């Protein structure tokens, strides 16, 4: 049985698209997933599945969410291996400056990381650093120059709906939780 995480986009933000984590976990359990847990209120669901294809698992998650909630919830599903590989290949500069914004963007298929890079455009090395591994894009920007960075403006682009963001602390904690028995 494989270990996976479903990262839900756009829930519990500013009082909109409210999802109660205990109910979310119950939906996943009733949907046939095993060892279901959630982590914090931003829509991180860890679970096990006999299904080995993340696209099939994503479709199952989307069906569960559509049946349980009256609003669309985009989701990306990553395996424990994908998360471990991404974190092992995170750039050395990522999450080294506690005063900077250090985020991980998880790309929601069918969009690819290359698609996201193409829409955002070239980053500004004087204001930010950005790199990717698989479906994870690592980004760091000093808070004092944050507004001048290209990636801080992603919220204004159509591609923003195709990513879900987690800060470095959450991304690293999810990676740890994925490796636990």
C-alpha atoms as a PDB file:
ATOM      1  CA  UNK A   1       0.000   0.000   0.000  1.00  0.00           C
ATOM      2  CA  UNK A   2       1.418   3.378  -0.982  1.00  0.00           C
ATOM      3  CA  UNK A   3       1.478   6.570   1.059  1.00  0.00           C
ATOM      4  CA  UNK A   4       0.130   9.771  -0.529  1.00  0.00           C
ATOM      5  CA  UNK A   5      -0.752  13.344   0.243  1.00  0.00           C
ATOM      6  CA  UNK A   6      -3.620  15.266  -1.313  1.00  0.00           C
ATOM      7  CA  UNK A   7      -3.038  19.008  -1.221  1.00  0.00           C
ATOM      8  CA  UNK A   8      -6.302  20.906  -1.558  1.00  0.00           C
ATOM      9  CA  UNK A   9      -6.286  24.359  -3.087  1.00  0.00           C
ATOM     10  CA  UNK A  10      -8.246  27.375  -1.924  1.00  0.00           C
ATOM     11  CA  UNK A  11      -9.982  26.084   1.178  1.00  0.00           C
ATOM     12  CA  UNK A  12     -10.345  27.860   4.531  1.00  0.00           C
ATOM     13  CA  UNK A  13      -8.859  31.077   3.116  1.00  0.00           C
ATOM     14  CA  UNK A  14     -10.403  34.281   4.389  1.00  0.00           C
ATOM     15  CA  UNK A  15     -13.482  32.468   5.651  1.00  0.00           C
ATOM     16  CA  UNK A  16     -14.297  31.094   2.206  1.00  0.00           C
ATOM     17  CA  UNK A  17     -14.677  27.487   1.100  1.00  0.00           C
ATOM     18  CA  UNK A  18     -14.816  26.240   4.669  1.00  0.00           C
ATOM     19  CA  UNK A  19     -13.774  22.638   5.120  1.00  0.00           C
ATOM     20  CA  UNK A  20     -13.640  20.995   8.542  1.00  0.00           C
ATOM     21  CA  UNK A  21     -10.628  18.705   8.702  1.00  0.00           C
ATOM     22  CA  UNK A  22     -12.346  15.930  10.684  1.00  0.00           C
ATOM     23  CA  UNK A  23     -15.126  15.804   8.083  1.00  0.00           C
ATOM     24  CA  UNK A  24     -12.574  15.848   5.284  1.00  0.00           C
ATOM     25  CA  UNK A  25     -10.709  12.918   6.828  1.00  0.00           C
ATOM     26  CA  UNK A  26     -13.992  11.031   7.263  1.00  0.00           C
ATOM     27  CA  UNK A  27     -14.813  11.579   3.562  1.00  0.00           C
ATOM     28  CA  UNK A  28     -11.469  10.112   2.531  1.00  0.00           C
ATOM     29  CA  UNK A  29     -11.892   7.141   4.868  1.00  0.00           C
ATOM     30  CA  UNK A  30     -15.427   6.476   3.591  1.00  0.00           C
ATOM     31  CA  UNK A  31     -14.029   6.774   0.064  1.00  0.00           C
ATOM     32  CA  UNK A  32     -11.811   3.760   0.641  1.00  0.00           C
ATOM     33  CA  UNK A  33      -8.499   5.315   1.628  1.00  0.00           C
ATOM     34  CA  UNK A  34      -6.602   3.951   4.662  1.00  0.00           C
ATOM     35  CA  UNK A  35      -4.723   5.587   7.546  1.00  0.00           C
ATOM     36  CA  UNK A  36      -6.208   8.987   6.740  1.00  0.00           C
ATOM     37  CA  UNK A  37      -4.960  12.000   8.679  1.00  0.00           C
ATOM     38  CA  UNK A  38      -4.953  15.715   8.066  1.00  0.00           C
ATOM     39  CA  UNK A  39      -2.301  18.270   8.880  1.00  0.00           C
ATOM     40  CA  UNK A  40      -3.287  21.812   9.838  1.00  0.00           C
ATOM     41  CA  UNK A  41      -6.323  23.583   8.440  1.00  0.00           C
ATOM     42  CA  UNK A  42      -5.040  24.317   4.929  1.00  0.00           C
ATOM     43  CA  UNK A  43      -6.130  21.058   3.314  1.00  0.00           C
ATOM     44  CA  UNK A  44      -3.339  18.528   3.630  1.00  0.00           C
ATOM     45  CA  UNK A  45      -4.655  14.962   3.656  1.00  0.00           C
ATOM     46  CA  UNK A  46      -2.234  12.097   4.190  1.00  0.00           C
ATOM     47  CA  UNK A  47      -3.464   8.597   3.381  1.00  0.00           C
ATOM     48  CA  UNK A  48      -2.664   5.178   1.981  1.00  0.00           C
ATOM     49  CA  UNK A  49      -4.019   3.576  -1.156  1.00  0.00           C
ATOM     50  CA  UNK A  50      -3.581   0.321  -3.046  1.00  0.00           C
ATOM     51  CA  UNK A  51      -3.905   2.285  -6.273  1.00  0.00           C
ATOM     52  CA  UNK A  52      -0.449   3.159  -7.598  1.00  0.00           C
ATOM     53  CA  UNK A  53      -1.362   5.815 -10.148  1.00  0.00           C
ATOM     54  CA  UNK A  54      -1.562   9.364  -8.778  1.00  0.00           C
ATOM     55  CA  UNK A  55      -3.833  10.456 -11.653  1.00  0.00           C
ATOM     56  CA  UNK A  56      -6.375   7.789 -10.717  1.00  0.00           C
ATOM     57  CA  UNK A  57      -6.085   8.692  -7.039  1.00  0.00           C
ATOM     58  CA  UNK A  58      -6.521  12.382  -7.905  1.00  0.00           C
ATOM     59  CA  UNK A  59      -9.731  11.566  -9.802  1.00  0.00           C
ATOM     60  CA  UNK A  60     -11.035   9.612  -6.799  1.00  0.00           C
ATOM     61  CA  UNK A  61     -10.192  12.499  -4.459  1.00  0.00           C
ATOM     62  CA  UNK A  62     -11.898  15.006  -6.744  1.00  0.00           C
ATOM     63  CA  UNK A  63     -15.028  12.823  -6.870  1.00  0.00           C
ATOM     64  CA  UNK A  64     -15.079  12.576  -3.059  1.00  0.00           C
ATOM     65  CA  UNK A  65     -14.667  16.333  -2.716  1.00  0.00           C
ATOM     66  CA  UNK A  66     -17.338  17.075  -5.336  1.00  0.00           C
ATOM     67  CA  UNK A  67     -19.801  14.848  -3.475  1.00  0.00           C
ATOM     68  CA  UNK A  68     -19.029  16.415  -0.089  1.00  0.00           C
ATOM     69  CA  UNK A  69     -18.705  20.145  -0.889  1.00  0.00           C
ATOM     70  CA  UNK A  70     -20.749  22.597  -2.971  1.00  0.00           C
ATOM     71  CA  UNK A  71     -17.645  24.319  -4.386  1.00  0.00           C
ATOM     72  CA  UNK A  72     -14.796  23.209  -6.612  1.00  0.00           C
ATOM     73  CA  UNK A  73     -11.649  22.087  -4.802  1.00  0.00           C
ATOM     74  CA  UNK A  74      -8.632  21.573  -7.064  1.00  0.00           C
ATOM     75  CA  UNK A  75      -6.245  18.964  -5.716  1.00  0.00           C
ATOM     76  CA  UNK A  76      -2.768  17.645  -6.387  1.00  0.00           C
ATOM     77  CA  UNK A  77      -1.808  14.166  -5.207  1.00  0.00           C
ATOM     78  CA  UNK A  78       1.816  13.261  -4.618  1.00  0.00           C
ATOM     79  CA  UNK A  79       3.341  10.001  -3.447  1.00  0.00           C
ATOM     80  CA  UNK A  80       5.666   9.741  -0.486  1.00  0.00           C
ATOM     81  CA  UNK A  81       8.466   9.049  -2.965  1.00  0.00           C
ATOM     82  CA  UNK A  82       7.712  12.185  -4.995  1.00  0.00           C
ATOM     83  CA  UNK A  83       7.687  14.342  -1.857  1.00  0.00           C
ATOM     84  CA  UNK A  84      10.921  12.784  -0.561  1.00  0.00           C
ATOM     85  CA  UNK A  85      12.671  13.266  -3.913  1.00  0.00           C
ATOM     86  CA  UNK A  86      11.511  16.867  -4.233  1.00  0.00           C
ATOM     87  CA  UNK A  87      12.693  17.760  -0.728  1.00  0.00           C
ATOM     88  CA  UNK A  88      15.999  15.939  -1.260  1.00  0.00           C
ATOM     89  CA  UNK A  89      16.472  18.018  -4.420  1.00  0.00           C
ATOM     90  CA  UNK A  90      15.367  21.340  -2.947  1.00  0.00           C
ATOM     91  CA  UNK A  91      17.910  24.018  -3.811  1.00  0.00           C
ATOM     92  CA  UNK A  92      20.490  24.774  -1.115  1.00  0.00           C
ATOM     93  CA  UNK A  93      19.277  28.381  -0.814  1.00  0.00           C
ATOM     94  CA  UNK A  94      15.669  27.398  -0.111  1.00  0.00           C
ATOM     95  CA  UNK A  95      14.551  27.964   3.474  1.00  0.00           C
ATOM     96  CA  UNK A  96      17.949  29.197   4.687  1.00  0.00           C
ATOM     97  CA  UNK A  97      16.789  32.751   5.464  1.00  0.00           C
ATOM     98  CA  UNK A  98      14.127  32.895   8.174  1.00  0.00           C
ATOM     99  CA  UNK A  99      13.401  36.540   7.308  1.00  0.00           C
ATOM    100  CA  UNK A 100      12.493  35.666   3.693  1.00  0.00           C
ATOM    101  CA  UNK A 101       9.355  34.161   2.189  1.00  0.00           C
ATOM    102  CA  UNK A 102      10.192  30.505   1.540  1.00  0.00           C
ATOM    103  CA  UNK A 103       7.424  28.690  -0.292  1.00  0.00           C
ATOM    104  CA  UNK A 104       6.721  25.538  -2.254  1.00  0.00           C
ATOM    105  CA  UNK A 105       4.251  25.687  -5.126  1.00  0.00           C
ATOM    106  CA  UNK A 106       2.717  22.297  -5.919  1.00  0.00           C
ATOM    107  CA  UNK A 107       1.597  22.095  -9.540  1.00  0.00           C
ATOM    108  CA  UNK A 108      -1.865  20.668 -10.160  1.00  0.00           C
ATOM    109  CA  UNK A 109      -1.995  18.408 -13.248  1.00  0.00           C
ATOM    110  CA  UNK A 110      -2.494  18.551 -16.137  1.00  0.00           C
ATOM    111  CA  UNK A 111      -0.454  21.758 -15.832  1.00  0.00           C
ATOM    112  CA  UNK A 112       3.300  21.198 -15.534  1.00  0.00           C
ATOM    113  CA  UNK A 113       6.017  23.155 -13.745  1.00  0.00           C
ATOM    114  CA  UNK A 114       7.259  24.256 -17.180  1.00  0.00           C
ATOM    115  CA  UNK A 115       3.791  25.683 -17.932  1.00  0.00           C
ATOM    116  CA  UNK A 116       3.902  27.667 -14.698  1.00  0.00           C
ATOM    117  CA  UNK A 117       7.391  29.013 -15.444  1.00  0.00           C
ATOM    118  CA  UNK A 118       6.260  30.029 -18.942  1.00  0.00           C
ATOM    119  CA  UNK A 119       3.303  32.025 -17.607  1.00  0.00           C
ATOM    120  CA  UNK A 120       5.129  33.683 -14.720  1.00  0.00           C
ATOM    121  CA  UNK A 121       8.138  34.586 -16.842  1.00  0.00           C
ATOM    122  CA  UNK A 122      11.777  34.948 -15.957  1.00  0.00           C
ATOM    123  CA  UNK A 123      12.414  35.504 -12.284  1.00  0.00           C
ATOM    124  CA  UNK A 124      14.336  38.524 -11.019  1.00  0.00           C
ATOM    125  CA  UNK A 125      17.560  37.215  -9.424  1.00  0.00           C
ATOM    126  CA  UNK A 126      18.041  40.465  -7.503  1.00  0.00           C
ATOM    127  CA  UNK A 127      14.727  39.883  -5.705  1.00  0.00           C
ATOM    128  CA  UNK A 128      14.054  36.134  -5.685  1.00  0.00           C
ATOM    129  CA  UNK A 129      15.315  32.640  -6.318  1.00  0.00           C
ATOM    130  CA  UNK A 130      13.269  29.912  -7.963  1.00  0.00           C
ATOM    131  CA  UNK A 131      13.868  26.306  -8.995  1.00  0.00           C
ATOM    132  CA  UNK A 132      11.823  23.155  -9.399  1.00  0.00           C
ATOM    133  CA  UNK A 133      11.927  19.430  -9.032  1.00  0.00           C
ATOM    134  CA  UNK A 134       9.093  17.418 -10.526  1.00  0.00           C
ATOM    135  CA  UNK A 135       5.780  19.040  -9.603  1.00  0.00           C
ATOM    136  CA  UNK A 136       7.252  21.187  -6.829  1.00  0.00           C
ATOM    137  CA  UNK A 137       8.522  24.735  -7.426  1.00  0.00           C
ATOM    138  CA  UNK A 138      10.744  26.184  -4.702  1.00  0.00           C
ATOM    139  CA  UNK A 139      10.741  29.952  -4.252  1.00  0.00           C
ATOM    140  CA  UNK A 140      12.474  32.353  -1.882  1.00  0.00           C
ATOM    141  CA  UNK A 141      12.186  36.142  -1.754  1.00  0.00           C
ATOM    142  CA  UNK A 142      13.400  38.556   0.910  1.00  0.00           C
ATOM    143  CA  UNK A 143      10.396  40.214   2.562  1.00  0.00           C
ATOM    144  CA  UNK A 144      11.833  43.703   2.010  1.00  0.00           C
ATOM    145  CA  UNK A 145      11.843  43.212  -1.790  1.00  0.00           C
ATOM    146  CA  UNK A 146       8.974  40.711  -1.980  1.00  0.00           C
ATOM    147  CA  UNK A 147       6.676  43.030  -3.972  1.00  0.00           C
ATOM    148  CA  UNK A 148       9.303  43.463  -6.695  1.00  0.00           C
ATOM    149  CA  UNK A 149       9.602  39.740  -7.381  1.00  0.00           C
ATOM    150  CA  UNK A 150       7.913  38.106 -10.361  1.00  0.00           C
ATOM    151  CA  UNK A 151       6.609  35.144  -8.372  1.00  0.00           C
ATOM    152  CA  UNK A 152       4.815  37.339  -5.834  1.00  0.00           C
ATOM    153  CA  UNK A 153       2.614  38.410  -8.760  1.00  0.00           C
ATOM    154  CA  UNK A 154       1.532  34.851  -9.630  1.00  0.00           C
ATOM    155  CA  UNK A 155      -1.790  35.531  -7.881  1.00  0.00           C
ATOM    156  CA  UNK A 156      -2.684  37.865 -10.770  1.00  0.00           C
ATOM    157  CA  UNK A 157      -2.102  35.212 -13.455  1.00  0.00           C
ATOM    158  CA  UNK A 158      -4.443  32.492 -14.769  1.00  0.00           C
ATOM    159  CA  UNK A 159      -1.867  29.826 -13.865  1.00  0.00           C
ATOM    160  CA  UNK A 160      -2.339  30.640 -10.161  1.00  0.00           C
ATOM    161  CA  UNK A 161      -5.417  28.402 -10.193  1.00  0.00           C
ATOM    162  CA  UNK A 162      -3.147  25.524 -11.184  1.00  0.00           C
ATOM    163  CA  UNK A 163      -0.889  25.628  -8.133  1.00  0.00           C
ATOM    164  CA  UNK A 164      -1.345  25.282  -4.422  1.00  0.00           C
ATOM    165  CA  UNK A 165       1.124  26.935  -2.104  1.00  0.00           C
ATOM    166  CA  UNK A 166       2.608  25.796   1.196  1.00  0.00           C
ATOM    167  CA  UNK A 167       5.228  27.641   3.217  1.00  0.00           C
ATOM    168  CA  UNK A 168       8.531  25.879   3.802  1.00  0.00           C
ATOM    169  CA  UNK A 169       7.640  24.825   7.347  1.00  0.00           C
ATOM    170  CA  UNK A 170       4.484  23.092   6.159  1.00  0.00           C
ATOM    171  CA  UNK A 171       6.207  21.549   3.125  1.00  0.00           C
ATOM    172  CA  UNK A 172       8.991  20.111   5.273  1.00  0.00           C
ATOM    173  CA  UNK A 173       6.584  18.862   7.935  1.00  0.00           C
ATOM    174  CA  UNK A 174       4.473  17.115   5.300  1.00  0.00           C
ATOM    175  CA  UNK A 175       7.616  15.415   3.989  1.00  0.00           C
ATOM    176  CA  UNK A 176       8.387  14.208   7.530  1.00  0.00           C
ATOM    177  CA  UNK A 177       4.847  12.965   8.087  1.00  0.00           C
ATOM    178  CA  UNK A 178       4.911  11.091   4.787  1.00  0.00           C
ATOM    179  CA  UNK A 179       7.906   9.066   5.955  1.00  0.00           C
ATOM    180  CA  UNK A 180       6.388   8.024   9.269  1.00  0.00           C
ATOM    181  CA  UNK A 181       4.962   4.532   9.616  1.00  0.00           C
END
